[in-house]
Amino acid sequence: MAEEISLATVKKHNKAEDLWIVIENKVYDVTKFRLEHPGGEDSLVDVAGRDGTKEFIDVGHSLEARKIMKKFYIGDLAAADIKKKSPIRCAHVGLALGAVFLGFALIYVIKRGGGPKQ
């Protein structure tokens, strides 16, 4: 079982010489990788000591990058620090479907010439 590492612990490793990051709830010590990183050292230092998942995904890292990451994996983010995603409720789905239906109905009426007459 992987070691659980708290976000408070990760936050202490926020310098180029001691650089930990969280990606998708996994903790990586990328201190030794920072000079090899294709995006440059600064891109890692910018997310040092915190969750860099959004930035990692936004860049669109390759499968090769994900393989390289495995060498630097040191543990999982503590369960207490993992952000919970709010579940989608039926009311949200109903509202979304209703809005889509009304949109299609409006387009249909306008294309058929059923709009307001002047």
PDB file of N, CA and C in Angstrom:
ATOM      1  N   MET A   1       0.851  -1.185   0.000  1.00  0.00           N
ATOM      2  CA  MET A   1       0.000   0.000   0.000  1.00  0.00           C
ATOM      3  C   MET A   1       0.891   1.241   0.000  1.00  0.00           C
ATOM      4  N   ALA A   2       0.503   2.218  -0.783  1.00  0.00           N
ATOM      5  CA  ALA A   2       1.285   3.450  -0.909  1.00  0.00           C
ATOM      6  C   ALA A   2       1.172   4.301   0.350  1.00  0.00           C
ATOM      7  N   GLU A   3       2.222   5.040   0.602  1.00  0.00           N
ATOM      8  CA  GLU A   3       2.226   5.951   1.753  1.00  0.00           C
ATOM      9  C   GLU A   3       1.250   7.100   1.496  1.00  0.00           C
ATOM     10  N   GLU A   4       0.520   7.496   2.535  1.00  0.00           N
ATOM     11  CA  GLU A   4      -0.357   8.668   2.436  1.00  0.00           C
ATOM     12  C   GLU A   4       0.427   9.883   2.883  1.00  0.00           C
ATOM     13  N   ILE A   5       0.372  10.930   2.084  1.00  0.00           N
ATOM     14  CA  ILE A   5       1.106  12.162   2.379  1.00  0.00           C
ATOM     15  C   ILE A   5       0.111  13.308   2.439  1.00  0.00           C
ATOM     16  N   SER A   6       0.147  14.051   3.519  1.00  0.00           N
ATOM     17  CA  SER A   6      -0.798  15.159   3.678  1.00  0.00           C
ATOM     18  C   SER A   6      -0.407  16.332   2.792  1.00  0.00           C
ATOM     19  N   LEU A   7      -1.387  17.150   2.462  1.00  0.00           N
ATOM     20  CA  LEU A   7      -1.132  18.347   1.675  1.00  0.00           C
ATOM     21  C   LEU A   7      -0.232  19.306   2.456  1.00  0.00           C
ATOM     22  N   ALA A   8      -0.378  19.328   3.770  1.00  0.00           N
ATOM     23  CA  ALA A   8       0.481  20.172   4.612  1.00  0.00           C
ATOM     24  C   ALA A   8       1.945  19.771   4.451  1.00  0.00           C
ATOM     25  N   THR A   9       2.216  18.483   4.343  1.00  0.00           N
ATOM     26  CA  THR A   9       3.582  18.010   4.129  1.00  0.00           C
ATOM     27  C   THR A   9       4.071  18.409   2.744  1.00  0.00           C
ATOM     28  N   VAL A  10       3.225  18.247   1.737  1.00  0.00           N
ATOM     29  CA  VAL A  10       3.592  18.616   0.362  1.00  0.00           C
ATOM     30  C   VAL A  10       3.948  20.098   0.305  1.00  0.00           C
ATOM     31  N   LYS A  11       3.177  20.932   1.000  1.00  0.00           N
ATOM     32  CA  LYS A  11       3.395  22.384   0.973  1.00  0.00           C
ATOM     33  C   LYS A  11       4.776  22.785   1.494  1.00  0.00           C
ATOM     34  N   LYS A  12       5.381  21.951   2.326  1.00  0.00           N
ATOM     35  CA  LYS A  12       6.713  22.247   2.868  1.00  0.00           C
ATOM     36  C   LYS A  12       7.814  22.057   1.813  1.00  0.00           C
ATOM     37  N   HIS A  13       7.517  21.358   0.762  1.00  0.00           N
ATOM     38  CA  HIS A  13       8.492  21.044  -0.294  1.00  0.00           C
ATOM     39  C   HIS A  13       8.200  21.921  -1.517  1.00  0.00           C
ATOM     40  N   ASN A  14       8.395  23.207  -1.361  1.00  0.00           N
ATOM     41  CA  ASN A  14       7.945  24.177  -2.366  1.00  0.00           C
ATOM     42  C   ASN A  14       9.071  25.003  -2.989  1.00  0.00           C
ATOM     43  N   LYS A  15      10.269  24.454  -2.992  1.00  0.00           N
ATOM     44  CA  LYS A  15      11.420  25.163  -3.568  1.00  0.00           C
ATOM     45  C   LYS A  15      12.068  24.308  -4.650  1.00  0.00           C
ATOM     46  N   ALA A  16      12.818  24.934  -5.523  1.00  0.00           N
ATOM     47  CA  ALA A  16      13.477  24.200  -6.603  1.00  0.00           C
ATOM     48  C   ALA A  16      14.382  23.093  -6.067  1.00  0.00           C
ATOM     49  N   GLU A  17      15.013  23.315  -4.921  1.00  0.00           N
ATOM     50  CA  GLU A  17      15.931  22.330  -4.351  1.00  0.00           C
ATOM     51  C   GLU A  17      15.201  21.232  -3.584  1.00  0.00           C
ATOM     52  N   ASP A  18      13.914  21.380  -3.403  1.00  0.00           N
ATOM     53  CA  ASP A  18      13.089  20.426  -2.655  1.00  0.00           C
ATOM     54  C   ASP A  18      11.667  20.579  -3.178  1.00  0.00           C
ATOM     55  N   LEU A  19      11.353  19.870  -4.270  1.00  0.00           N
ATOM     56  CA  LEU A  19      10.175  20.167  -5.066  1.00  0.00           C
ATOM     57  C   LEU A  19       9.238  18.965  -5.168  1.00  0.00           C
ATOM     58  N   TRP A  20       8.144  19.031  -4.442  1.00  0.00           N
ATOM     59  CA  TRP A  20       7.105  18.010  -4.528  1.00  0.00           C
ATOM     60  C   TRP A  20       5.874  18.627  -5.171  1.00  0.00           C
ATOM     61  N   ILE A  21       5.162  17.820  -5.931  1.00  0.00           N
ATOM     62  CA  ILE A  21       3.898  18.265  -6.520  1.00  0.00           C
ATOM     63  C   ILE A  21       2.864  17.146  -6.422  1.00  0.00           C
ATOM     64  N   VAL A  22       1.609  17.545  -6.504  1.00  0.00           N
ATOM     65  CA  VAL A  22       0.498  16.593  -6.526  1.00  0.00           C
ATOM     66  C   VAL A  22      -0.109  16.639  -7.924  1.00  0.00           C
ATOM     67  N   ILE A  23      -0.247  15.458  -8.524  1.00  0.00           N
ATOM     68  CA  ILE A  23      -0.928  15.323  -9.811  1.00  0.00           C
ATOM     69  C   ILE A  23      -1.934  14.196  -9.656  1.00  0.00           C
ATOM     70  N   GLU A  24      -3.197  14.520  -9.877  1.00  0.00           N
ATOM     71  CA  GLU A  24      -4.281  13.536  -9.799  1.00  0.00           C
ATOM     72  C   GLU A  24      -4.203  12.715  -8.507  1.00  0.00           C
ATOM     73  N   ASN A  25      -4.038  13.433  -7.387  1.00  0.00           N
ATOM     74  CA  ASN A  25      -4.026  12.861  -6.033  1.00  0.00           C
ATOM     75  C   ASN A  25      -2.846  11.923  -5.760  1.00  0.00           C
ATOM     76  N   LYS A  26      -1.806  12.030  -6.556  1.00  0.00           N
ATOM     77  CA  LYS A  26      -0.573  11.294  -6.319  1.00  0.00           C
ATOM     78  C   LYS A  26       0.540  12.318  -6.094  1.00  0.00           C
ATOM     79  N   VAL A  27       1.450  11.990  -5.183  1.00  0.00           N
ATOM     80  CA  VAL A  27       2.514  12.921  -4.816  1.00  0.00           C
ATOM     81  C   VAL A  27       3.811  12.485  -5.492  1.00  0.00           C
ATOM     82  N   TYR A  28       4.500  13.466  -6.077  1.00  0.00           N
ATOM     83  CA  TYR A  28       5.744  13.207  -6.784  1.00  0.00           C
ATOM     84  C   TYR A  28       6.841  14.129  -6.243  1.00  0.00           C
ATOM     85  N   ASP A  29       8.034  13.568  -6.058  1.00  0.00           N
ATOM     86  CA  ASP A  29       9.220  14.357  -5.728  1.00  0.00           C
ATOM     87  C   ASP A  29       9.979  14.533  -7.032  1.00  0.00           C
ATOM     88  N   VAL A  30       9.838  15.707  -7.649  1.00  0.00           N
ATOM     89  CA  VAL A  30      10.445  15.961  -8.956  1.00  0.00           C
ATOM     90  C   VAL A  30      11.687  16.845  -8.845  1.00  0.00           C
ATOM     91  N   THR A  31      12.271  16.875  -7.662  1.00  0.00           N
ATOM     92  CA  THR A  31      13.465  17.695  -7.437  1.00  0.00           C
ATOM     93  C   THR A  31      14.550  17.365  -8.454  1.00  0.00           C
ATOM     94  N   LYS A  32      14.851  16.093  -8.644  1.00  0.00           N
ATOM     95  CA  LYS A  32      15.934  15.677  -9.547  1.00  0.00           C
ATOM     96  C   LYS A  32      15.550  15.789 -11.014  1.00  0.00           C
ATOM     97  N   PHE A  33      14.272  15.936 -11.303  1.00  0.00           N
ATOM     98  CA  PHE A  33      13.795  16.008 -12.685  1.00  0.00           C
ATOM     99  C   PHE A  33      13.670  17.437 -13.197  1.00  0.00           C
ATOM    100  N   ARG A  34      13.688  18.396 -12.303  1.00  0.00           N
ATOM    101  CA  ARG A  34      13.357  19.775 -12.686  1.00  0.00           C
ATOM    102  C   ARG A  34      14.240  20.319 -13.803  1.00  0.00           C
ATOM    103  N   LEU A  35      15.523  19.967 -13.826  1.00  0.00           N
ATOM    104  CA  LEU A  35      16.423  20.480 -14.864  1.00  0.00           C
ATOM    105  C   LEU A  35      16.252  19.742 -16.194  1.00  0.00           C
ATOM    106  N   GLU A  36      15.663  18.547 -16.145  1.00  0.00           N
ATOM    107  CA  GLU A  36      15.415  17.761 -17.357  1.00  0.00           C
ATOM    108  C   GLU A  36      14.037  18.043 -17.951  1.00  0.00           C
ATOM    109  N   HIS A  37      13.168  18.675 -17.200  1.00  0.00           N
ATOM    110  CA  HIS A  37      11.783  18.868 -17.623  1.00  0.00           C
ATOM    111  C   HIS A  37      11.729  19.642 -18.936  1.00  0.00           C
ATOM    112  N   PRO A  38      11.089  19.073 -19.972  1.00  0.00           N
ATOM    113  CA  PRO A  38      11.028  19.741 -21.284  1.00  0.00           C
ATOM    114  C   PRO A  38      10.380  21.124 -21.240  1.00  0.00           C
ATOM    115  N   GLY A  39       9.482  21.340 -20.298  1.00  0.00           N
ATOM    116  CA  GLY A  39       8.818  22.637 -20.180  1.00  0.00           C
ATOM    117  C   GLY A  39       9.625  23.647 -19.377  1.00  0.00           C
ATOM    118  N   GLY A  40      10.799  23.232 -18.923  1.00  0.00           N
ATOM    119  CA  GLY A  40      11.661  24.112 -18.141  1.00  0.00           C
ATOM    120  C   GLY A  40      11.422  23.988 -16.651  1.00  0.00           C
ATOM    121  N   GLU A  41      12.423  24.356 -15.915  1.00  0.00           N
ATOM    122  CA  GLU A  41      12.369  24.276 -14.454  1.00  0.00           C
ATOM    123  C   GLU A  41      11.250  25.134 -13.880  1.00  0.00           C
ATOM    124  N   ASP A  42      11.054  26.322 -14.451  1.00  0.00           N
ATOM    125  CA  ASP A  42      10.062  27.256 -13.904  1.00  0.00           C
ATOM    126  C   ASP A  42       8.649  26.692 -13.891  1.00  0.00           C
ATOM    127  N   SER A  43       8.321  25.882 -14.899  1.00  0.00           N
ATOM    128  CA  SER A  43       6.961  25.331 -14.934  1.00  0.00           C
ATOM    129  C   SER A  43       6.716  24.383 -13.762  1.00  0.00           C
ATOM    130  N   LEU A  44       7.751  23.708 -13.285  1.00  0.00           N
ATOM    131  CA  LEU A  44       7.603  22.861 -12.099  1.00  0.00           C
ATOM    132  C   LEU A  44       7.637  23.685 -10.824  1.00  0.00           C
ATOM    133  N   VAL A  45       8.528  24.657 -10.769  1.00  0.00           N
ATOM    134  CA  VAL A  45       8.641  25.498  -9.573  1.00  0.00           C
ATOM    135  C   VAL A  45       7.332  26.256  -9.339  1.00  0.00           C
ATOM    136  N   ASP A  46       6.642  26.620 -10.415  1.00  0.00           N
ATOM    137  CA  ASP A  46       5.363  27.336 -10.290  1.00  0.00           C
ATOM    138  C   ASP A  46       4.300  26.536  -9.536  1.00  0.00           C
ATOM    139  N   VAL A  47       4.381  25.213  -9.593  1.00  0.00           N
ATOM    140  CA  VAL A  47       3.391  24.382  -8.901  1.00  0.00           C
ATOM    141  C   VAL A  47       4.001  23.625  -7.715  1.00  0.00           C
ATOM    142  N   ALA A  48       5.190  24.011  -7.320  1.00  0.00           N
ATOM    143  CA  ALA A  48       5.884  23.341  -6.216  1.00  0.00           C
ATOM    144  C   ALA A  48       5.074  23.441  -4.927  1.00  0.00           C
ATOM    145  N   GLY A  49       4.948  22.318  -4.245  1.00  0.00           N
ATOM    146  CA  GLY A  49       4.268  22.303  -2.958  1.00  0.00           C
ATOM    147  C   GLY A  49       2.755  22.381  -3.033  1.00  0.00           C
ATOM    148  N   ARG A  50       2.201  22.114  -4.209  1.00  0.00           N
ATOM    149  CA  ARG A  50       0.744  22.192  -4.322  1.00  0.00           C
ATOM    150  C   ARG A  50       0.229  21.231  -5.390  1.00  0.00           C
ATOM    151  N   ASP A  51      -1.079  21.257  -5.588  1.00  0.00           N
ATOM    152  CA  ASP A  51      -1.711  20.416  -6.599  1.00  0.00           C
ATOM    153  C   ASP A  51      -1.550  21.072  -7.963  1.00  0.00           C
ATOM    154  N   GLY A  52      -0.850  20.405  -8.858  1.00  0.00           N
ATOM    155  CA  GLY A  52      -0.628  20.931 -10.202  1.00  0.00           C
ATOM    156  C   GLY A  52      -1.418  20.180 -11.259  1.00  0.00           C
ATOM    157  N   THR A  53      -2.476  19.487 -10.849  1.00  0.00           N
ATOM    158  CA  THR A  53      -3.264  18.671 -11.778  1.00  0.00           C
ATOM    159  C   THR A  53      -3.821  19.503 -12.930  1.00  0.00           C
ATOM    160  N   LYS A  54      -4.404  20.633 -12.633  1.00  0.00           N
ATOM    161  CA  LYS A  54      -5.006  21.462 -13.687  1.00  0.00           C
ATOM    162  C   LYS A  54      -3.960  21.863 -14.720  1.00  0.00           C
ATOM    163  N   GLU A  55      -2.817  22.341 -14.252  1.00  0.00           N
ATOM    164  CA  GLU A  55      -1.756  22.754 -15.163  1.00  0.00           C
ATOM    165  C   GLU A  55      -1.243  21.563 -15.975  1.00  0.00           C
ATOM    166  N   PHE A  56      -1.104  20.419 -15.335  1.00  0.00           N
ATOM    167  CA  PHE A  56      -0.627  19.210 -16.008  1.00  0.00           C
ATOM    168  C   PHE A  56      -1.575  18.814 -17.134  1.00  0.00           C
ATOM    169  N   ILE A  57      -2.861  18.836 -16.832  1.00  0.00           N
ATOM    170  CA  ILE A  57      -3.860  18.455 -17.832  1.00  0.00           C
ATOM    171  C   ILE A  57      -3.955  19.504 -18.936  1.00  0.00           C
ATOM    172  N   ASP A  58      -3.918  20.782 -18.565  1.00  0.00           N
ATOM    173  CA  ASP A  58      -4.022  21.863 -19.551  1.00  0.00           C
ATOM    174  C   ASP A  58      -2.928  21.784 -20.605  1.00  0.00           C
ATOM    175  N   VAL A  59      -1.736  21.367 -20.208  1.00  0.00           N
ATOM    176  CA  VAL A  59      -0.614  21.264 -21.141  1.00  0.00           C
ATOM    177  C   VAL A  59      -0.811  20.077 -22.079  1.00  0.00           C
ATOM    178  N   GLY A  60      -1.504  19.057 -21.609  1.00  0.00           N
ATOM    179  CA  GLY A  60      -1.754  17.889 -22.455  1.00  0.00           C
ATOM    180  C   GLY A  60      -0.547  16.966 -22.527  1.00  0.00           C
ATOM    181  N   HIS A  61      -0.051  16.550 -21.377  1.00  0.00           N
ATOM    182  CA  HIS A  61       1.124  15.679 -21.333  1.00  0.00           C
ATOM    183  C   HIS A  61       0.856  14.341 -22.043  1.00  0.00           C
ATOM    184  N   SER A  62       1.899  13.806 -22.635  1.00  0.00           N
ATOM    185  CA  SER A  62       1.819  12.556 -23.389  1.00  0.00           C
ATOM    186  C   SER A  62       1.837  11.343 -22.472  1.00  0.00           C
ATOM    187  N   LEU A  63       1.598  10.186 -23.066  1.00  0.00           N
ATOM    188  CA  LEU A  63       1.718   8.932 -22.325  1.00  0.00           C
ATOM    189  C   LEU A  63       3.160   8.728 -21.863  1.00  0.00           C
ATOM    190  N   GLU A  64       4.093   9.162 -22.672  1.00  0.00           N
ATOM    191  CA  GLU A  64       5.511   9.062 -22.300  1.00  0.00           C
ATOM    192  C   GLU A  64       5.795   9.864 -21.034  1.00  0.00           C
ATOM    193  N   ALA A  65       5.211  11.054 -20.928  1.00  0.00           N
ATOM    194  CA  ALA A  65       5.393  11.887 -19.735  1.00  0.00           C
ATOM    195  C   ALA A  65       4.836  11.168 -18.512  1.00  0.00           C
ATOM    196  N   ARG A  66       3.699  10.508 -18.674  1.00  0.00           N
ATOM    197  CA  ARG A  66       3.098   9.773 -17.557  1.00  0.00           C
ATOM    198  C   ARG A  66       3.977   8.593 -17.134  1.00  0.00           C
ATOM    199  N   LYS A  67       4.651   7.973 -18.094  1.00  0.00           N
ATOM    200  CA  LYS A  67       5.575   6.881 -17.760  1.00  0.00           C
ATOM    201  C   LYS A  67       6.767   7.412 -16.968  1.00  0.00           C
ATOM    202  N   ILE A  68       7.289   8.552 -17.382  1.00  0.00           N
ATOM    203  CA  ILE A  68       8.432   9.161 -16.697  1.00  0.00           C
ATOM    204  C   ILE A  68       8.059   9.513 -15.262  1.00  0.00           C
ATOM    205  N   MET A  69       6.839   9.995 -15.067  1.00  0.00           N
ATOM    206  CA  MET A  69       6.381  10.397 -13.734  1.00  0.00           C
ATOM    207  C   MET A  69       6.472   9.274 -12.715  1.00  0.00           C
ATOM    208  N   LYS A  70       6.260   8.044 -13.169  1.00  0.00           N
ATOM    209  CA  LYS A  70       6.241   6.904 -12.256  1.00  0.00           C
ATOM    210  C   LYS A  70       7.532   6.797 -11.448  1.00  0.00           C
ATOM    211  N   LYS A  71       8.647   7.227 -12.030  1.00  0.00           N
ATOM    212  CA  LYS A  71       9.939   7.165 -11.328  1.00  0.00           C
ATOM    213  C   LYS A  71       9.983   8.097 -10.125  1.00  0.00           C
ATOM    214  N   PHE A  72       9.144   9.126 -10.128  1.00  0.00           N
ATOM    215  CA  PHE A  72       9.194  10.158  -9.097  1.00  0.00           C
ATOM    216  C   PHE A  72       8.049  10.067  -8.091  1.00  0.00           C
ATOM    217  N   TYR A  73       7.209   9.054  -8.256  1.00  0.00           N
ATOM    218  CA  TYR A  73       6.059   8.844  -7.372  1.00  0.00           C
ATOM    219  C   TYR A  73       6.540   8.449  -5.976  1.00  0.00           C
ATOM    220  N   ILE A  74       6.018   9.151  -4.955  1.00  0.00           N
ATOM    221  CA  ILE A  74       6.421   8.826  -3.575  1.00  0.00           C
ATOM    222  C   ILE A  74       5.236   8.474  -2.676  1.00  0.00           C
ATOM    223  N   GLY A  75       4.013   8.678  -3.125  1.00  0.00           N
ATOM    224  CA  GLY A  75       2.864   8.318  -2.306  1.00  0.00           C
ATOM    225  C   GLY A  75       1.584   8.950  -2.806  1.00  0.00           C
ATOM    226  N   ASP A  76       0.517   8.646  -2.099  1.00  0.00           N
ATOM    227  CA  ASP A  76      -0.810   9.181  -2.437  1.00  0.00           C
ATOM    228  C   ASP A  76      -1.151  10.346  -1.520  1.00  0.00           C
ATOM    229  N   LEU A  77      -1.883  11.292  -2.060  1.00  0.00           N
ATOM    230  CA  LEU A  77      -2.376  12.391  -1.244  1.00  0.00           C
ATOM    231  C   LEU A  77      -3.305  11.814  -0.177  1.00  0.00           C
ATOM    232  N   ALA A  78      -3.180  12.303   1.040  1.00  0.00           N
ATOM    233  CA  ALA A  78      -4.015  11.816   2.142  1.00  0.00           C
ATOM    234  C   ALA A  78      -5.485  11.976   1.791  1.00  0.00           C
ATOM    235  N   ALA A  79      -6.264  10.975   2.149  1.00  0.00           N
ATOM    236  CA  ALA A  79      -7.695  10.967   1.831  1.00  0.00           C
ATOM    237  C   ALA A  79      -8.403  12.225   2.338  1.00  0.00           C
ATOM    238  N   ALA A  80      -7.991  12.713   3.487  1.00  0.00           N
ATOM    239  CA  ALA A  80      -8.629  13.899   4.069  1.00  0.00           C
ATOM    240  C   ALA A  80      -8.392  15.152   3.225  1.00  0.00           C
ATOM    241  N   ASP A  81      -7.348  15.135   2.380  1.00  0.00           N
ATOM    242  CA  ASP A  81      -7.013  16.308   1.567  1.00  0.00           C
ATOM    243  C   ASP A  81      -7.534  16.229   0.136  1.00  0.00           C
ATOM    244  N   ILE A  82      -8.151  15.125  -0.201  1.00  0.00           N
ATOM    245  CA  ILE A  82      -8.683  14.979  -1.560  1.00  0.00           C
ATOM    246  C   ILE A  82     -10.003  15.726  -1.649  1.00  0.00           C
ATOM    247  N   LYS A  83     -10.089  16.606  -2.643  1.00  0.00           N
ATOM    248  CA  LYS A  83     -11.316  17.387  -2.829  1.00  0.00           C
ATOM    249  C   LYS A  83     -12.414  16.480  -3.346  1.00  0.00           C
ATOM    250  N   LYS A  84     -13.546  16.592  -2.721  1.00  0.00           N
ATOM    251  CA  LYS A  84     -14.703  15.801  -3.130  1.00  0.00           C
ATOM    252  C   LYS A  84     -15.423  16.518  -4.258  1.00  0.00           C
ATOM    253  N   LYS A  85     -15.758  15.771  -5.293  1.00  0.00           N
ATOM    254  CA  LYS A  85     -16.555  16.331  -6.381  1.00  0.00           C
ATOM    255  C   LYS A  85     -18.012  16.226  -5.982  1.00  0.00           C
ATOM    256  N   SER A  86     -18.745  17.309  -6.177  1.00  0.00           N
ATOM    257  CA  SER A  86     -20.158  17.255  -5.821  1.00  0.00           C
ATOM    258  C   SER A  86     -20.896  16.435  -6.872  1.00  0.00           C
ATOM    259  N   PRO A  87     -21.735  15.525  -6.420  1.00  0.00           N
ATOM    260  CA  PRO A  87     -22.462  14.677  -7.362  1.00  0.00           C
ATOM    261  C   PRO A  87     -23.480  15.489  -8.155  1.00  0.00           C
ATOM    262  N   ILE A  88     -23.750  15.042  -9.351  1.00  0.00           N
ATOM    263  CA  ILE A  88     -24.768  15.694 -10.173  1.00  0.00           C
ATOM    264  C   ILE A  88     -26.123  15.177  -9.713  1.00  0.00           C
ATOM    265  N   ARG A  89     -26.989  16.091  -9.372  1.00  0.00           N
ATOM    266  CA  ARG A  89     -28.317  15.712  -8.908  1.00  0.00           C
ATOM    267  C   ARG A  89     -29.276  15.642 -10.086  1.00  0.00           C
ATOM    268  N   CYS A  90     -30.369  14.928  -9.889  1.00  0.00           N
ATOM    269  CA  CYS A  90     -31.396  14.799 -10.928  1.00  0.00           C
ATOM    270  C   CYS A  90     -31.935  16.160 -11.343  1.00  0.00           C
ATOM    271  N   ALA A  91     -32.021  17.080 -10.390  1.00  0.00           N
ATOM    272  CA  ALA A  91     -32.532  18.417 -10.709  1.00  0.00           C
ATOM    273  C   ALA A  91     -31.639  19.103 -11.738  1.00  0.00           C
ATOM    274  N   HIS A  92     -30.333  18.906 -11.619  1.00  0.00           N
ATOM    275  CA  HIS A  92     -29.406  19.515 -12.579  1.00  0.00           C
ATOM    276  C   HIS A  92     -29.599  18.915 -13.968  1.00  0.00           C
ATOM    277  N   VAL A  93     -29.757  17.609 -14.032  1.00  0.00           N
ATOM    278  CA  VAL A  93     -29.960  16.936 -15.312  1.00  0.00           C
ATOM    279  C   VAL A  93     -31.281  17.386 -15.921  1.00  0.00           C
ATOM    280  N   GLY A  94     -32.323  17.473 -15.109  1.00  0.00           N
ATOM    281  CA  GLY A  94     -33.624  17.910 -15.598  1.00  0.00           C
ATOM    282  C   GLY A  94     -33.588  19.324 -16.156  1.00  0.00           C
ATOM    283  N   LEU A  95     -32.918  20.212 -15.453  1.00  0.00           N
ATOM    284  CA  LEU A  95     -32.792  21.591 -15.936  1.00  0.00           C
ATOM    285  C   LEU A  95     -32.025  21.650 -17.253  1.00  0.00           C
ATOM    286  N   ALA A  96     -30.946  20.877 -17.350  1.00  0.00           N
ATOM    287  CA  ALA A  96     -30.143  20.876 -18.572  1.00  0.00           C
ATOM    288  C   ALA A  96     -30.960  20.340 -19.746  1.00  0.00           C
ATOM    289  N   LEU A  97     -31.665  19.240 -19.540  1.00  0.00           N
ATOM    290  CA  LEU A  97     -32.491  18.676 -20.614  1.00  0.00           C
ATOM    291  C   LEU A  97     -33.613  19.625 -21.007  1.00  0.00           C
ATOM    292  N   GLY A  98     -34.212  20.277 -20.017  1.00  0.00           N
ATOM    293  CA  GLY A  98     -35.262  21.249 -20.308  1.00  0.00           C
ATOM    294  C   GLY A  98     -34.744  22.407 -21.147  1.00  0.00           C
ATOM    295  N   ALA A  99     -33.559  22.886 -20.822  1.00  0.00           N
ATOM    296  CA  ALA A  99     -32.967  23.994 -21.579  1.00  0.00           C
ATOM    297  C   ALA A  99     -32.664  23.569 -23.015  1.00  0.00           C
ATOM    298  N   VAL A 100     -32.158  22.354 -23.187  1.00  0.00           N
ATOM    299  CA  VAL A 100     -31.874  21.850 -24.532  1.00  0.00           C
ATOM    300  C   VAL A 100     -33.170  21.726 -25.323  1.00  0.00           C
ATOM    301  N   PHE A 101     -34.205  21.176 -24.709  1.00  0.00           N
ATOM    302  CA  PHE A 101     -35.490  21.025 -25.379  1.00  0.00           C
ATOM    303  C   PHE A 101     -36.049  22.384 -25.811  1.00  0.00           C
ATOM    304  N   LEU A 102     -36.028  23.352 -24.908  1.00  0.00           N
ATOM    305  CA  LEU A 102     -36.535  24.688 -25.248  1.00  0.00           C
ATOM    306  C   LEU A 102     -35.729  25.321 -26.378  1.00  0.00           C
ATOM    307  N   GLY A 103     -34.421  25.103 -26.359  1.00  0.00           N
ATOM    308  CA  GLY A 103     -33.577  25.634 -27.434  1.00  0.00           C
ATOM    309  C   GLY A 103     -33.957  25.061 -28.786  1.00  0.00           C
ATOM    310  N   PHE A 104     -34.124  23.727 -28.831  1.00  0.00           N
ATOM    311  CA  PHE A 104     -34.527  23.100 -30.089  1.00  0.00           C
ATOM    312  C   PHE A 104     -35.921  23.556 -30.517  1.00  0.00           C
ATOM    313  N   ALA A 105     -36.827  23.687 -29.582  1.00  0.00           N
ATOM    314  CA  ALA A 105     -38.183  24.134 -29.904  1.00  0.00           C
ATOM    315  C   ALA A 105     -38.146  25.547 -30.482  1.00  0.00           C
ATOM    316  N   LEU A 106     -37.350  26.415 -29.899  1.00  0.00           N
ATOM    317  CA  LEU A 106     -37.231  27.791 -30.388  1.00  0.00           C
ATOM    318  C   LEU A 106     -36.650  27.817 -31.797  1.00  0.00           C
ATOM    319  N   ILE A 107     -35.637  27.027 -32.062  1.00  0.00           N
ATOM    320  CA  ILE A 107     -35.046  26.961 -33.402  1.00  0.00           C
ATOM    321  C   ILE A 107     -36.082  26.461 -34.409  1.00  0.00           C
ATOM    322  N   TYR A 108     -36.840  25.443 -34.024  1.00  0.00           N
ATOM    323  CA  TYR A 108     -37.870  24.886 -34.895  1.00  0.00           C
ATOM    324  C   TYR A 108     -38.916  25.945 -35.245  1.00  0.00           C
ATOM    325  N   VAL A 109     -39.387  26.668 -34.269  1.00  0.00           N
ATOM    326  CA  VAL A 109     -40.416  27.686 -34.480  1.00  0.00           C
ATOM    327  C   VAL A 109     -39.887  28.802 -35.377  1.00  0.00           C
ATOM    328  N   ILE A 110     -38.654  29.229 -35.146  1.00  0.00           N
ATOM    329  CA  ILE A 110     -38.082  30.319 -35.951  1.00  0.00           C
ATOM    330  C   ILE A 110     -37.898  29.876 -37.395  1.00  0.00           C
ATOM    331  N   LYS A 111     -37.408  28.650 -37.618  1.00  0.00           N
ATOM    332  CA  LYS A 111     -37.190  28.159 -38.983  1.00  0.00           C
ATOM    333  C   LYS A 111     -38.506  27.974 -39.741  1.00  0.00           C
ATOM    334  N   ARG A 112     -39.551  27.661 -39.041  1.00  0.00           N
ATOM    335  CA  ARG A 112     -40.858  27.476 -39.673  1.00  0.00           C
ATOM    336  C   ARG A 112     -41.581  28.801 -39.890  1.00  0.00           C
ATOM    337  N   GLY A 113     -40.973  29.877 -39.472  1.00  0.00           N
ATOM    338  CA  GLY A 113     -41.596  31.173 -39.666  1.00  0.00           C
ATOM    339  C   GLY A 113     -42.685  31.473 -38.640  1.00  0.00           C
ATOM    340  N   GLY A 114     -42.609  30.830 -37.535  1.00  0.00           N
ATOM    341  CA  GLY A 114     -43.632  31.009 -36.519  1.00  0.00           C
ATOM    342  C   GLY A 114     -43.307  32.085 -35.521  1.00  0.00           C
ATOM    343  N   GLY A 115     -42.311  32.890 -35.840  1.00  0.00           N
ATOM    344  CA  GLY A 115     -41.944  33.959 -34.930  1.00  0.00           C
ATOM    345  C   GLY A 115     -42.976  35.049 -34.905  1.00  0.00           C
ATOM    346  N   PRO A 116     -42.767  36.078 -34.142  1.00  0.00           N
ATOM    347  CA  PRO A 116     -43.737  37.176 -34.051  1.00  0.00           C
ATOM    348  C   PRO A 116     -43.964  37.841 -35.398  1.00  0.00           C
ATOM    349  N   LYS A 117     -45.213  38.091 -35.713  1.00  0.00           N
ATOM    350  CA  LYS A 117     -45.550  38.754 -36.990  1.00  0.00           C
ATOM    351  C   LYS A 117     -45.606  40.243 -36.791  1.00  0.00           C
ATOM    352  N   GLN A 118     -45.121  40.943 -37.810  1.00  0.00           N
ATOM    353  CA  GLN A 118     -45.093  42.393 -37.686  1.00  0.00           C
ATOM    354  C   GLN A 118     -45.944  43.033 -38.745  1.00  0.00           C
TER     355      GLN A 118
END
